[in-house]
Amino acid sequence: MDAPSDPPAPAAPQPSKLLEAMRQRIRVLHYCIRSEQACVDMKTTLMHTHVLNHGGE
């Protein structure tokens, strides 16, 4: 009998192009790293909320 094979591990999620563009813009404006993290976290939360409430419309 063949040994059961493990399914391939999922790849790490790639950052959104929108979030990368936002990070670059924040860096160009010389904001501190904590401000960058807070803005990205807020935008990520808003995007997830929109998808959950509106089904990605």
Protein backbone atom coordinates (compact mmCIF):
# COMPACT_ATOMS: atom_id res chain seq x y z
CA MET A 1 0.00 0.00 0.00
CA ASP A 2 1.07 3.51 -0.65
CA ALA A 3 1.85 5.75 2.27
CA PRO A 4 -0.63 8.63 2.64
CA SER A 5 0.82 11.79 1.20
CA ASP A 6 0.54 15.09 3.01
CA PRO A 7 -1.14 17.89 1.09
CA PRO A 8 1.26 20.65 0.07
CA ALA A 9 1.58 23.44 2.58
CA PRO A 10 -0.22 26.63 1.52
CA ALA A 11 2.02 29.46 0.46
CA ALA A 12 2.31 32.47 2.71
CA PRO A 13 -0.29 35.10 1.78
CA GLN A 14 1.08 37.76 -0.51
CA PRO A 15 0.59 41.35 0.62
CA SER A 16 -2.05 43.26 -1.27
CA LYS A 17 -0.83 45.61 -3.99
CA LEU A 18 -3.01 48.29 -2.40
CA LEU A 19 -1.35 47.83 1.00
CA GLU A 20 2.13 47.84 -0.55
CA ALA A 21 1.34 51.07 -2.40
CA MET A 22 0.02 52.57 0.81
CA ARG A 23 3.19 51.57 2.70
CA GLN A 24 5.39 53.10 0.01
CA ARG A 25 3.41 56.36 0.08
CA ILE A 26 3.63 56.55 3.87
CA ARG A 27 7.41 55.98 3.70
CA VAL A 28 7.82 58.70 1.07
CA LEU A 29 6.03 61.09 3.42
CA HIS A 30 8.50 60.09 6.19
CA TYR A 31 5.88 58.94 8.70
CA CYS A 32 7.14 56.87 11.62
CA ILE A 33 6.95 53.07 11.42
CA ARG A 34 4.21 52.91 14.08
CA SER A 35 2.02 55.26 12.03
CA GLU A 36 2.61 53.05 8.98
CA GLN A 37 1.63 49.93 10.93
CA ALA A 38 -1.47 51.59 12.37
CA CYS A 39 -2.65 52.80 8.95
CA VAL A 40 -2.08 49.40 7.33
CA ASP A 41 -3.82 47.58 10.19
CA MET A 42 -6.79 49.95 9.99
CA LYS A 43 -7.09 49.50 6.21
CA THR A 44 -6.80 45.71 6.54
CA THR A 45 -9.58 45.68 9.14
CA LEU A 46 -11.79 47.85 6.94
CA MET A 47 -11.20 45.63 3.92
CA HIS A 48 -12.03 42.45 5.89
CA THR A 49 -15.15 44.09 7.34
CA HIS A 50 -16.31 45.14 3.88
CA VAL A 51 -15.86 41.63 2.48
CA LEU A 52 -17.67 40.04 5.43
CA ASN A 53 -20.59 42.48 5.39
CA HIS A 54 -20.97 42.88 1.63
CA GLY A 55 -19.62 39.61 0.25
CA GLY A 56 -16.88 41.27 -1.79
CA GLU A 57 -19.28 43.32 -3.92
